[in-house]
Amino acid sequence: MKRSKLLLISGIIGTIYTAYLFSYFLGSPSRASGISNEIGGAIATLIVAPHMVLTLLAVIFNWLGFALRAKWAVLVAGILYAVAMAVFIIYFMFVIIEMIMCFIAYARMKKTERGTI
């Protein structure tokens, strides 16, 4: 049985975006010095943290759905991408493609595939 190309593409894009998110917000501090810059960076990271965690979870379920051909995991990934988008709407354009691909892949999966309840 073939694996979904949409889930593969979604997983790759999601993994790249998640790596970017974590490296940008949790990476090395900027060259600008001063306590106000550090406080501003910490506040920005706290604001984006729910989006980061939800996106990471969505990517994990995306890869689980791809590897196990589990329809439930694909649905969970799509929902998590949607919630991540709603939590931090400013970054919607970075997760909307993955969300759409997951929902399309979910709709295309057969009910008799492995991992279905």
PDB file of N, CA and C in Angstrom:
ATOM      1  N   MET A   1       0.833  -1.179   0.000  1.00  0.00           N
ATOM      2  CA  MET A   1       0.000   0.000   0.000  1.00  0.00           C
ATOM      3  C   MET A   1       0.881   1.247   0.000  1.00  0.00           C
ATOM      4  N   LYS A   2       0.529   2.186  -0.818  1.00  0.00           N
ATOM      5  CA  LYS A   2       1.337   3.404  -0.944  1.00  0.00           C
ATOM      6  C   LYS A   2       1.101   4.349   0.228  1.00  0.00           C
ATOM      7  N   ARG A   3       2.122   5.083   0.534  1.00  0.00           N
ATOM      8  CA  ARG A   3       1.995   6.122   1.564  1.00  0.00           C
ATOM      9  C   ARG A   3       1.576   7.418   0.888  1.00  0.00           C
ATOM     10  N   SER A   4       0.965   8.292   1.665  1.00  0.00           N
ATOM     11  CA  SER A   4       0.447   9.544   1.141  1.00  0.00           C
ATOM     12  C   SER A   4       1.575  10.537   0.865  1.00  0.00           C
ATOM     13  N   LYS A   5       1.631  11.022  -0.361  1.00  0.00           N
ATOM     14  CA  LYS A   5       2.626  12.046  -0.710  1.00  0.00           C
ATOM     15  C   LYS A   5       2.301  13.369  -0.028  1.00  0.00           C
ATOM     16  N   LEU A   6       1.004  13.625   0.166  1.00  0.00           N
ATOM     17  CA  LEU A   6       0.608  14.854   0.856  1.00  0.00           C
ATOM     18  C   LEU A   6       1.122  14.880   2.287  1.00  0.00           C
ATOM     19  N   LEU A   7       1.044  13.738   2.966  1.00  0.00           N
ATOM     20  CA  LEU A   7       1.557  13.671   4.338  1.00  0.00           C
ATOM     21  C   LEU A   7       3.072  13.813   4.379  1.00  0.00           C
ATOM     22  N   LEU A   8       3.742  13.255   3.390  1.00  0.00           N
ATOM     23  CA  LEU A   8       5.196  13.402   3.317  1.00  0.00           C
ATOM     24  C   LEU A   8       5.580  14.865   3.143  1.00  0.00           C
ATOM     25  N   ILE A   9       4.945  15.535   2.200  1.00  0.00           N
ATOM     26  CA  ILE A   9       5.241  16.952   1.959  1.00  0.00           C
ATOM     27  C   ILE A   9       4.887  17.791   3.181  1.00  0.00           C
ATOM     28  N   SER A  10       3.725  17.513   3.766  1.00  0.00           N
ATOM     29  CA  SER A  10       3.299  18.238   4.961  1.00  0.00           C
ATOM     30  C   SER A  10       4.277  18.030   6.112  1.00  0.00           C
ATOM     31  N   GLY A  11       4.745  16.801   6.280  1.00  0.00           N
ATOM     32  CA  GLY A  11       5.708  16.511   7.342  1.00  0.00           C
ATOM     33  C   GLY A  11       7.033  17.215   7.140  1.00  0.00           C
ATOM     34  N   ILE A  12       7.493  17.256   5.899  1.00  0.00           N
ATOM     35  CA  ILE A  12       8.762  17.937   5.609  1.00  0.00           C
ATOM     36  C   ILE A  12       8.643  19.431   5.868  1.00  0.00           C
ATOM     37  N   ILE A  13       7.582  20.046   5.344  1.00  0.00           N
ATOM     38  CA  ILE A  13       7.385  21.485   5.550  1.00  0.00           C
ATOM     39  C   ILE A  13       7.218  21.793   7.040  1.00  0.00           C
ATOM     40  N   GLY A  14       6.424  20.971   7.729  1.00  0.00           N
ATOM     41  CA  GLY A  14       6.208  21.182   9.159  1.00  0.00           C
ATOM     42  C   GLY A  14       7.481  21.032   9.969  1.00  0.00           C
ATOM     43  N   THR A  15       8.309  20.063   9.610  1.00  0.00           N
ATOM     44  CA  THR A  15       9.571  19.853  10.321  1.00  0.00           C
ATOM     45  C   THR A  15      10.511  21.038  10.116  1.00  0.00           C
ATOM     46  N   ILE A  16      10.595  21.507   8.893  1.00  0.00           N
ATOM     47  CA  ILE A  16      11.453  22.671   8.613  1.00  0.00           C
ATOM     48  C   ILE A  16      10.965  23.893   9.371  1.00  0.00           C
ATOM     49  N   TYR A  17       9.644  24.123   9.358  1.00  0.00           N
ATOM     50  CA  TYR A  17       9.090  25.284  10.057  1.00  0.00           C
ATOM     51  C   TYR A  17       9.296  25.173  11.571  1.00  0.00           C
ATOM     52  N   THR A  18       9.100  23.971  12.118  1.00  0.00           N
ATOM     53  CA  THR A  18       9.289  23.789  13.556  1.00  0.00           C
ATOM     54  C   THR A  18      10.750  24.008  13.948  1.00  0.00           C
ATOM     55  N   ALA A  19      11.662  23.512  13.136  1.00  0.00           N
ATOM     56  CA  ALA A  19      13.087  23.731  13.418  1.00  0.00           C
ATOM     57  C   ALA A  19      13.415  25.219  13.377  1.00  0.00           C
ATOM     58  N   TYR A  20      12.837  25.924  12.403  1.00  0.00           N
ATOM     59  CA  TYR A  20      13.052  27.370  12.323  1.00  0.00           C
ATOM     60  C   TYR A  20      12.502  28.060  13.568  1.00  0.00           C
ATOM     61  N   LEU A  21      11.277  27.701  13.960  1.00  0.00           N
ATOM     62  CA  LEU A  21      10.657  28.335  15.134  1.00  0.00           C
ATOM     63  C   LEU A  21      11.521  28.177  16.374  1.00  0.00           C
ATOM     64  N   PHE A  22      11.919  26.941  16.640  1.00  0.00           N
ATOM     65  CA  PHE A  22      12.686  26.698  17.857  1.00  0.00           C
ATOM     66  C   PHE A  22      14.070  27.323  17.794  1.00  0.00           C
ATOM     67  N   SER A  23      14.697  27.320  16.630  1.00  0.00           N
ATOM     68  CA  SER A  23      16.022  27.944  16.549  1.00  0.00           C
ATOM     69  C   SER A  23      15.925  29.461  16.658  1.00  0.00           C
ATOM     70  N   TYR A  24      14.858  30.039  16.135  1.00  0.00           N
ATOM     71  CA  TYR A  24      14.715  31.497  16.178  1.00  0.00           C
ATOM     72  C   TYR A  24      14.393  31.975  17.589  1.00  0.00           C
ATOM     73  N   PHE A  25      13.431  31.330  18.243  1.00  0.00           N
ATOM     74  CA  PHE A  25      12.993  31.820  19.547  1.00  0.00           C
ATOM     75  C   PHE A  25      13.795  31.268  20.712  1.00  0.00           C
ATOM     76  N   LEU A  26      14.399  30.114  20.556  1.00  0.00           N
ATOM     77  CA  LEU A  26      15.165  29.536  21.660  1.00  0.00           C
ATOM     78  C   LEU A  26      16.657  29.481  21.370  1.00  0.00           C
ATOM     79  N   GLY A  27      17.059  30.017  20.233  1.00  0.00           N
ATOM     80  CA  GLY A  27      18.465  29.992  19.843  1.00  0.00           C
ATOM     81  C   GLY A  27      19.286  30.984  20.633  1.00  0.00           C
ATOM     82  N   SER A  28      20.444  31.245  20.124  1.00  0.00           N
ATOM     83  CA  SER A  28      21.353  32.162  20.812  1.00  0.00           C
ATOM     84  C   SER A  28      20.760  33.567  20.839  1.00  0.00           C
ATOM     85  N   PRO A  29      21.031  34.287  21.904  1.00  0.00           N
ATOM     86  CA  PRO A  29      20.505  35.642  22.006  1.00  0.00           C
ATOM     87  C   PRO A  29      21.095  36.562  20.942  1.00  0.00           C
ATOM     88  N   SER A  30      20.368  37.596  20.647  1.00  0.00           N
ATOM     89  CA  SER A  30      20.822  38.528  19.616  1.00  0.00           C
ATOM     90  C   SER A  30      22.042  39.310  20.097  1.00  0.00           C
ATOM     91  N   ARG A  31      22.674  39.965  19.169  1.00  0.00           N
ATOM     92  CA  ARG A  31      23.880  40.736  19.502  1.00  0.00           C
ATOM     93  C   ARG A  31      23.553  42.011  20.274  1.00  0.00           C
ATOM     94  N   ALA A  32      22.309  42.441  20.166  1.00  0.00           N
ATOM     95  CA  ALA A  32      21.925  43.656  20.890  1.00  0.00           C
ATOM     96  C   ALA A  32      21.991  43.381  22.384  1.00  0.00           C
ATOM     97  N   SER A  33      22.561  44.323  23.092  1.00  0.00           N
ATOM     98  CA  SER A  33      22.709  44.127  24.529  1.00  0.00           C
ATOM     99  C   SER A  33      21.692  44.990  25.262  1.00  0.00           C
ATOM    100  N   GLY A  34      21.512  44.667  26.476  1.00  0.00           N
ATOM    101  CA  GLY A  34      20.601  45.439  27.302  1.00  0.00           C
ATOM    102  C   GLY A  34      19.512  44.560  27.885  1.00  0.00           C
ATOM    103  N   ILE A  35      19.126  44.923  29.066  1.00  0.00           N
ATOM    104  CA  ILE A  35      18.112  44.150  29.774  1.00  0.00           C
ATOM    105  C   ILE A  35      16.754  44.265  29.089  1.00  0.00           C
ATOM    106  N   SER A  36      16.461  45.402  28.499  1.00  0.00           N
ATOM    107  CA  SER A  36      15.152  45.561  27.851  1.00  0.00           C
ATOM    108  C   SER A  36      15.020  44.651  26.628  1.00  0.00           C
ATOM    109  N   ASN A  37      16.115  44.455  25.892  1.00  0.00           N
ATOM    110  CA  ASN A  37      16.067  43.537  24.754  1.00  0.00           C
ATOM    111  C   ASN A  37      15.881  42.096  25.211  1.00  0.00           C
ATOM    112  N   GLU A  38      16.515  41.739  26.313  1.00  0.00           N
ATOM    113  CA  GLU A  38      16.366  40.387  26.836  1.00  0.00           C
ATOM    114  C   GLU A  38      14.948  40.152  27.344  1.00  0.00           C
ATOM    115  N   ILE A  39      14.389  41.127  28.019  1.00  0.00           N
ATOM    116  CA  ILE A  39      13.013  41.001  28.513  1.00  0.00           C
ATOM    117  C   ILE A  39      12.037  40.929  27.343  1.00  0.00           C
ATOM    118  N   GLY A  40      12.255  41.749  26.336  1.00  0.00           N
ATOM    119  CA  GLY A  40      11.398  41.722  25.148  1.00  0.00           C
ATOM    120  C   GLY A  40      11.455  40.382  24.437  1.00  0.00           C
ATOM    121  N   GLY A  41      12.642  39.825  24.338  1.00  0.00           N
ATOM    122  CA  GLY A  41      12.798  38.507  23.717  1.00  0.00           C
ATOM    123  C   GLY A  41      12.115  37.414  24.515  1.00  0.00           C
ATOM    124  N   ALA A  42      12.203  37.498  25.832  1.00  0.00           N
ATOM    125  CA  ALA A  42      11.554  36.503  26.690  1.00  0.00           C
ATOM    126  C   ALA A  42      10.038  36.601  26.582  1.00  0.00           C
ATOM    127  N   ILE A  43       9.509  37.805  26.536  1.00  0.00           N
ATOM    128  CA  ILE A  43       8.064  37.990  26.391  1.00  0.00           C
ATOM    129  C   ILE A  43       7.590  37.476  25.039  1.00  0.00           C
ATOM    130  N   ALA A  44       8.338  37.766  23.991  1.00  0.00           N
ATOM    131  CA  ALA A  44       7.974  37.282  22.652  1.00  0.00           C
ATOM    132  C   ALA A  44       7.975  35.754  22.614  1.00  0.00           C
ATOM    133  N   THR A  45       8.952  35.140  23.249  1.00  0.00           N
ATOM    134  CA  THR A  45       9.017  33.688  23.286  1.00  0.00           C
ATOM    135  C   THR A  45       7.834  33.107  24.050  1.00  0.00           C
ATOM    136  N   LEU A  46       7.460  33.739  25.164  1.00  0.00           N
ATOM    137  CA  LEU A  46       6.305  33.263  25.926  1.00  0.00           C
ATOM    138  C   LEU A  46       5.008  33.398  25.149  1.00  0.00           C
ATOM    139  N   ILE A  47       4.888  34.425  24.360  1.00  0.00           N
ATOM    140  CA  ILE A  47       3.672  34.619  23.565  1.00  0.00           C
ATOM    141  C   ILE A  47       3.576  33.566  22.463  1.00  0.00           C
ATOM    142  N   VAL A  48       4.689  33.220  21.862  1.00  0.00           N
ATOM    143  CA  VAL A  48       4.708  32.280  20.747  1.00  0.00           C
ATOM    144  C   VAL A  48       4.788  30.826  21.231  1.00  0.00           C
ATOM    145  N   ALA A  49       5.094  30.593  22.490  1.00  0.00           N
ATOM    146  CA  ALA A  49       5.299  29.234  23.009  1.00  0.00           C
ATOM    147  C   ALA A  49       4.131  28.284  22.740  1.00  0.00           C
ATOM    148  N   PRO A  50       2.865  28.670  22.959  1.00  0.00           N
ATOM    149  CA  PRO A  50       1.779  27.723  22.656  1.00  0.00           C
ATOM    150  C   PRO A  50       1.746  27.321  21.183  1.00  0.00           C
ATOM    151  N   HIS A  51       2.005  28.263  20.299  1.00  0.00           N
ATOM    152  CA  HIS A  51       2.052  27.965  18.865  1.00  0.00           C
ATOM    153  C   HIS A  51       3.183  26.991  18.566  1.00  0.00           C
ATOM    154  N   MET A  52       4.320  27.195  19.208  1.00  0.00           N
ATOM    155  CA  MET A  52       5.468  26.319  18.988  1.00  0.00           C
ATOM    156  C   MET A  52       5.168  24.891  19.444  1.00  0.00           C
ATOM    157  N   VAL A  53       4.588  24.754  20.619  1.00  0.00           N
ATOM    158  CA  VAL A  53       4.303  23.429  21.173  1.00  0.00           C
ATOM    159  C   VAL A  53       3.252  22.714  20.328  1.00  0.00           C
ATOM    160  N   LEU A  54       2.188  23.420  19.957  1.00  0.00           N
ATOM    161  CA  LEU A  54       1.139  22.805  19.145  1.00  0.00           C
ATOM    162  C   LEU A  54       1.656  22.406  17.768  1.00  0.00           C
ATOM    163  N   THR A  55       2.509  23.228  17.187  1.00  0.00           N
ATOM    164  CA  THR A  55       3.080  22.887  15.887  1.00  0.00           C
ATOM    165  C   THR A  55       3.990  21.674  16.004  1.00  0.00           C
ATOM    166  N   LEU A  56       4.783  21.608  17.056  1.00  0.00           N
ATOM    167  CA  LEU A  56       5.638  20.442  17.280  1.00  0.00           C
ATOM    168  C   LEU A  56       4.806  19.171  17.428  1.00  0.00           C
ATOM    169  N   LEU A  57       3.739  19.237  18.209  1.00  0.00           N
ATOM    170  CA  LEU A  57       2.855  18.080  18.365  1.00  0.00           C
ATOM    171  C   LEU A  57       2.197  17.689  17.045  1.00  0.00           C
ATOM    172  N   ALA A  58       1.793  18.680  16.265  1.00  0.00           N
ATOM    173  CA  ALA A  58       1.182  18.411  14.964  1.00  0.00           C
ATOM    174  C   ALA A  58       2.165  17.699  14.042  1.00  0.00           C
ATOM    175  N   VAL A  59       3.408  18.125  14.062  1.00  0.00           N
ATOM    176  CA  VAL A  59       4.429  17.481  13.224  1.00  0.00           C
ATOM    177  C   VAL A  59       4.656  16.038  13.681  1.00  0.00           C
ATOM    178  N   ILE A  60       4.679  15.809  14.972  1.00  0.00           N
ATOM    179  CA  ILE A  60       4.860  14.452  15.482  1.00  0.00           C
ATOM    180  C   ILE A  60       3.717  13.555  15.015  1.00  0.00           C
ATOM    181  N   PHE A  61       2.472  14.031  15.153  1.00  0.00           N
ATOM    182  CA  PHE A  61       1.337  13.231  14.706  1.00  0.00           C
ATOM    183  C   PHE A  61       1.306  13.096  13.187  1.00  0.00           C
ATOM    184  N   ASN A  62       1.783  14.120  12.491  1.00  0.00           N
ATOM    185  CA  ASN A  62       1.878  14.055  11.035  1.00  0.00           C
ATOM    186  C   ASN A  62       2.785  12.897  10.629  1.00  0.00           C
ATOM    187  N   TRP A  63       3.952  12.791  11.251  1.00  0.00           N
ATOM    188  CA  TRP A  63       4.886  11.716  10.925  1.00  0.00           C
ATOM    189  C   TRP A  63       4.368  10.358  11.395  1.00  0.00           C
ATOM    190  N   LEU A  64       3.672  10.332  12.525  1.00  0.00           N
ATOM    191  CA  LEU A  64       3.066   9.077  12.975  1.00  0.00           C
ATOM    192  C   LEU A  64       2.027   8.591  11.971  1.00  0.00           C
ATOM    193  N   GLY A  65       1.194   9.498  11.514  1.00  0.00           N
ATOM    194  CA  GLY A  65       0.185   9.137  10.526  1.00  0.00           C
ATOM    195  C   GLY A  65       0.799   8.653   9.237  1.00  0.00           C
ATOM    196  N   PHE A  66       1.902   9.273   8.851  1.00  0.00           N
ATOM    197  CA  PHE A  66       2.593   8.852   7.628  1.00  0.00           C
ATOM    198  C   PHE A  66       3.235   7.482   7.803  1.00  0.00           C
ATOM    199  N   ALA A  67       3.944   7.290   8.904  1.00  0.00           N
ATOM    200  CA  ALA A  67       4.686   6.049   9.115  1.00  0.00           C
ATOM    201  C   ALA A  67       3.767   4.858   9.380  1.00  0.00           C
ATOM    202  N   LEU A  68       2.723   5.070  10.176  1.00  0.00           N
ATOM    203  CA  LEU A  68       1.842   3.978  10.570  1.00  0.00           C
ATOM    204  C   LEU A  68       0.611   3.847   9.677  1.00  0.00           C
ATOM    205  N   ARG A  69       0.446   4.802   8.780  1.00  0.00           N
ATOM    206  CA  ARG A  69      -0.768   4.883   7.954  1.00  0.00           C
ATOM    207  C   ARG A  69      -2.009   4.942   8.841  1.00  0.00           C
ATOM    208  N   ALA A  70      -1.893   5.660   9.943  1.00  0.00           N
ATOM    209  CA  ALA A  70      -2.963   5.762  10.925  1.00  0.00           C
ATOM    210  C   ALA A  70      -3.840   6.971  10.607  1.00  0.00           C
ATOM    211  N   LYS A  71      -5.066   6.687  10.279  1.00  0.00           N
ATOM    212  CA  LYS A  71      -6.006   7.747   9.902  1.00  0.00           C
ATOM    213  C   LYS A  71      -6.260   8.697  11.078  1.00  0.00           C
ATOM    214  N   TRP A  72      -6.347   8.161  12.276  1.00  0.00           N
ATOM    215  CA  TRP A  72      -6.598   8.984  13.452  1.00  0.00           C
ATOM    216  C   TRP A  72      -5.462   9.971  13.693  1.00  0.00           C
ATOM    217  N   ALA A  73      -4.223   9.546  13.468  1.00  0.00           N
ATOM    218  CA  ALA A  73      -3.072  10.425  13.696  1.00  0.00           C
ATOM    219  C   ALA A  73      -3.057  11.572  12.685  1.00  0.00           C
ATOM    220  N   VAL A  74      -3.483  11.283  11.464  1.00  0.00           N
ATOM    221  CA  VAL A  74      -3.542  12.323  10.438  1.00  0.00           C
ATOM    222  C   VAL A  74      -4.595  13.365  10.806  1.00  0.00           C
ATOM    223  N   LEU A  75      -5.732  12.894  11.311  1.00  0.00           N
ATOM    224  CA  LEU A  75      -6.783  13.819  11.741  1.00  0.00           C
ATOM    225  C   LEU A  75      -6.313  14.671  12.921  1.00  0.00           C
ATOM    226  N   VAL A  76      -5.644  14.047  13.881  1.00  0.00           N
ATOM    227  CA  VAL A  76      -5.116  14.783  15.035  1.00  0.00           C
ATOM    228  C   VAL A  76      -4.102  15.829  14.568  1.00  0.00           C
ATOM    229  N   ALA A  77      -3.248  15.472  13.620  1.00  0.00           N
ATOM    230  CA  ALA A  77      -2.264  16.426  13.097  1.00  0.00           C
ATOM    231  C   ALA A  77      -2.956  17.617  12.442  1.00  0.00           C
ATOM    232  N   GLY A  78      -3.965  17.356  11.630  1.00  0.00           N
ATOM    233  CA  GLY A  78      -4.700  18.451  10.991  1.00  0.00           C
ATOM    234  C   GLY A  78      -5.359  19.370  11.999  1.00  0.00           C
ATOM    235  N   ILE A  79      -5.956  18.777  13.032  1.00  0.00           N
ATOM    236  CA  ILE A  79      -6.603  19.587  14.073  1.00  0.00           C
ATOM    237  C   ILE A  79      -5.568  20.399  14.844  1.00  0.00           C
ATOM    238  N   LEU A  80      -4.436  19.783  15.167  1.00  0.00           N
ATOM    239  CA  LEU A  80      -3.392  20.512  15.895  1.00  0.00           C
ATOM    240  C   LEU A  80      -2.813  21.661  15.067  1.00  0.00           C
ATOM    241  N   TYR A  81      -2.650  21.447  13.764  1.00  0.00           N
ATOM    242  CA  TYR A  81      -2.214  22.546  12.909  1.00  0.00           C
ATOM    243  C   TYR A  81      -3.240  23.680  12.942  1.00  0.00           C
ATOM    244  N   ALA A  82      -4.526  23.328  12.914  1.00  0.00           N
ATOM    245  CA  ALA A  82      -5.577  24.346  12.946  1.00  0.00           C
ATOM    246  C   ALA A  82      -5.578  25.109  14.267  1.00  0.00           C
ATOM    247  N   VAL A  83      -5.393  24.402  15.362  1.00  0.00           N
ATOM    248  CA  VAL A  83      -5.352  25.063  16.674  1.00  0.00           C
ATOM    249  C   VAL A  83      -4.102  25.934  16.792  1.00  0.00           C
ATOM    250  N   ALA A  84      -2.971  25.443  16.289  1.00  0.00           N
ATOM    251  CA  ALA A  84      -1.739  26.245  16.304  1.00  0.00           C
ATOM    252  C   ALA A  84      -1.932  27.526  15.504  1.00  0.00           C
ATOM    253  N   MET A  85      -2.659  27.420  14.407  1.00  0.00           N
ATOM    254  CA  MET A  85      -2.936  28.596  13.598  1.00  0.00           C
ATOM    255  C   MET A  85      -3.844  29.569  14.350  1.00  0.00           C
ATOM    256  N   ALA A  86      -4.844  29.044  15.057  1.00  0.00           N
ATOM    257  CA  ALA A  86      -5.778  29.901  15.788  1.00  0.00           C
ATOM    258  C   ALA A  86      -5.125  30.556  17.006  1.00  0.00           C
ATOM    259  N   VAL A  87      -4.192  29.855  17.632  1.00  0.00           N
ATOM    260  CA  VAL A  87      -3.542  30.379  18.836  1.00  0.00           C
ATOM    261  C   VAL A  87      -2.652  31.578  18.510  1.00  0.00           C
ATOM    262  N   PHE A  88      -1.989  31.537  17.386  1.00  0.00           N
ATOM    263  CA  PHE A  88      -1.111  32.638  16.991  1.00  0.00           C
ATOM    264  C   PHE A  88      -1.397  32.961  15.527  1.00  0.00           C
ATOM    265  N   ILE A  89      -2.461  33.693  15.315  1.00  0.00           N
ATOM    266  CA  ILE A  89      -3.005  33.939  13.982  1.00  0.00           C
ATOM    267  C   ILE A  89      -2.028  34.683  13.070  1.00  0.00           C
ATOM    268  N   ILE A  90      -1.085  35.395  13.647  1.00  0.00           N
ATOM    269  CA  ILE A  90      -0.120  36.138  12.843  1.00  0.00           C
ATOM    270  C   ILE A  90       0.731  35.202  11.982  1.00  0.00           C
ATOM    271  N   TYR A  91       0.972  33.988  12.470  1.00  0.00           N
ATOM    272  CA  TYR A  91       1.788  33.018  11.737  1.00  0.00           C
ATOM    273  C   TYR A  91       0.943  31.985  10.993  1.00  0.00           C
ATOM    274  N   PHE A  92      -0.299  32.325  10.660  1.00  0.00           N
ATOM    275  CA  PHE A  92      -1.195  31.367  10.020  1.00  0.00           C
ATOM    276  C   PHE A  92      -0.633  30.839   8.711  1.00  0.00           C
ATOM    277  N   MET A  93       0.067  31.693   7.970  1.00  0.00           N
ATOM    278  CA  MET A  93       0.548  31.291   6.646  1.00  0.00           C
ATOM    279  C   MET A  93       1.607  30.206   6.699  1.00  0.00           C
ATOM    280  N   PHE A  94       2.178  29.976   7.869  1.00  0.00           N
ATOM    281  CA  PHE A  94       3.209  28.949   7.989  1.00  0.00           C
ATOM    282  C   PHE A  94       2.648  27.566   8.292  1.00  0.00           C
ATOM    283  N   VAL A  95       1.392  27.479   8.725  1.00  0.00           N
ATOM    284  CA  VAL A  95       0.816  26.167   9.046  1.00  0.00           C
ATOM    285  C   VAL A  95      -0.442  25.844   8.243  1.00  0.00           C
ATOM    286  N   ILE A  96      -0.963  26.779   7.494  1.00  0.00           N
ATOM    287  CA  ILE A  96      -2.210  26.523   6.774  1.00  0.00           C
ATOM    288  C   ILE A  96      -2.029  25.480   5.676  1.00  0.00           C
ATOM    289  N   ILE A  97      -0.899  25.481   5.004  1.00  0.00           N
ATOM    290  CA  ILE A  97      -0.646  24.499   3.943  1.00  0.00           C
ATOM    291  C   ILE A  97      -0.598  23.088   4.540  1.00  0.00           C
ATOM    292  N   GLU A  98       0.129  22.924   5.658  1.00  0.00           N
ATOM    293  CA  GLU A  98       0.213  21.618   6.294  1.00  0.00           C
ATOM    294  C   GLU A  98      -1.163  21.149   6.761  1.00  0.00           C
ATOM    295  N   MET A  99      -1.947  22.075   7.322  1.00  0.00           N
ATOM    296  CA  MET A  99      -3.276  21.727   7.797  1.00  0.00           C
ATOM    297  C   MET A  99      -4.154  21.221   6.649  1.00  0.00           C
ATOM    298  N   ILE A 100      -4.157  21.944   5.549  1.00  0.00           N
ATOM    299  CA  ILE A 100      -4.966  21.562   4.397  1.00  0.00           C
ATOM    300  C   ILE A 100      -4.514  20.210   3.848  1.00  0.00           C
ATOM    301  N   MET A 101      -3.195  20.015   3.752  1.00  0.00           N
ATOM    302  CA  MET A 101      -2.683  18.736   3.247  1.00  0.00           C
ATOM    303  C   MET A 101      -3.080  17.575   4.151  1.00  0.00           C
ATOM    304  N   CYS A 102      -3.055  17.783   5.461  1.00  0.00           N
ATOM    305  CA  CYS A 102      -3.441  16.720   6.387  1.00  0.00           C
ATOM    306  C   CYS A 102      -4.922  16.376   6.233  1.00  0.00           C
ATOM    307  N   PHE A 103      -5.769  17.378   6.116  1.00  0.00           N
ATOM    308  CA  PHE A 103      -7.199  17.099   5.975  1.00  0.00           C
ATOM    309  C   PHE A 103      -7.511  16.418   4.641  1.00  0.00           C
ATOM    310  N   ILE A 104      -6.823  16.814   3.574  1.00  0.00           N
ATOM    311  CA  ILE A 104      -7.026  16.150   2.286  1.00  0.00           C
ATOM    312  C   ILE A 104      -6.542  14.703   2.357  1.00  0.00           C
ATOM    313  N   ALA A 105      -5.388  14.484   2.966  1.00  0.00           N
ATOM    314  CA  ALA A 105      -4.861  13.118   3.112  1.00  0.00           C
ATOM    315  C   ALA A 105      -5.797  12.278   3.968  1.00  0.00           C
ATOM    316  N   TYR A 106      -6.355  12.870   5.018  1.00  0.00           N
ATOM    317  CA  TYR A 106      -7.307  12.153   5.865  1.00  0.00           C
ATOM    318  C   TYR A 106      -8.537  11.738   5.064  1.00  0.00           C
ATOM    319  N   ALA A 107      -9.047  12.645   4.252  1.00  0.00           N
ATOM    320  CA  ALA A 107     -10.234  12.349   3.454  1.00  0.00           C
ATOM    321  C   ALA A 107      -9.957  11.269   2.409  1.00  0.00           C
ATOM    322  N   ARG A 108      -8.741  11.188   1.923  1.00  0.00           N
ATOM    323  CA  ARG A 108      -8.382  10.194   0.900  1.00  0.00           C
ATOM    324  C   ARG A 108      -8.064   8.817   1.477  1.00  0.00           C
ATOM    325  N   MET A 109      -7.802   8.742   2.771  1.00  0.00           N
ATOM    326  CA  MET A 109      -7.446   7.455   3.373  1.00  0.00           C
ATOM    327  C   MET A 109      -8.674   6.558   3.457  1.00  0.00           C
ATOM    328  N   LYS A 110      -8.455   5.284   3.204  1.00  0.00           N
ATOM    329  CA  LYS A 110      -9.547   4.330   3.243  1.00  0.00           C
ATOM    330  C   LYS A 110      -9.841   3.919   4.681  1.00  0.00           C
ATOM    331  N   LYS A 111     -11.073   3.524   4.928  1.00  0.00           N
ATOM    332  CA  LYS A 111     -11.484   3.122   6.262  1.00  0.00           C
ATOM    333  C   LYS A 111     -10.845   1.809   6.704  1.00  0.00           C
ATOM    334  N   THR A 112     -10.425   1.008   5.776  1.00  0.00           N
ATOM    335  CA  THR A 112      -9.868  -0.303   6.106  1.00  0.00           C
ATOM    336  C   THR A 112      -8.370  -0.286   6.336  1.00  0.00           C
ATOM    337  N   GLU A 113      -7.756   0.882   6.270  1.00  0.00           N
ATOM    338  CA  GLU A 113      -6.303   0.949   6.460  1.00  0.00           C
ATOM    339  C   GLU A 113      -5.923   0.653   7.890  1.00  0.00           C
ATOM    340  N   ARG A 114      -4.701   0.250   8.054  1.00  0.00           N
ATOM    341  CA  ARG A 114      -4.166  -0.080   9.371  1.00  0.00           C
ATOM    342  C   ARG A 114      -4.215   1.146  10.266  1.00  0.00           C
ATOM    343  N   GLY A 115      -4.561   0.930  11.526  1.00  0.00           N
ATOM    344  CA  GLY A 115      -4.596   2.022  12.487  1.00  0.00           C
ATOM    345  C   GLY A 115      -5.960   2.670  12.616  1.00  0.00           C
ATOM    346  N   THR A 116      -6.924   2.202  11.867  1.00  0.00           N
ATOM    347  CA  THR A 116      -8.268   2.769  11.956  1.00  0.00           C
ATOM    348  C   THR A 116      -9.038   2.081  13.061  1.00  0.00           C
ATOM    349  N   ILE A 117      -9.813   2.834  13.753  1.00  0.00           N
ATOM    350  CA  ILE A 117     -10.619   2.276  14.853  1.00  0.00           C
ATOM    351  C   ILE A 117     -11.900   1.715  14.287  1.00  0.00           C
TER     352      ILE A 117
END
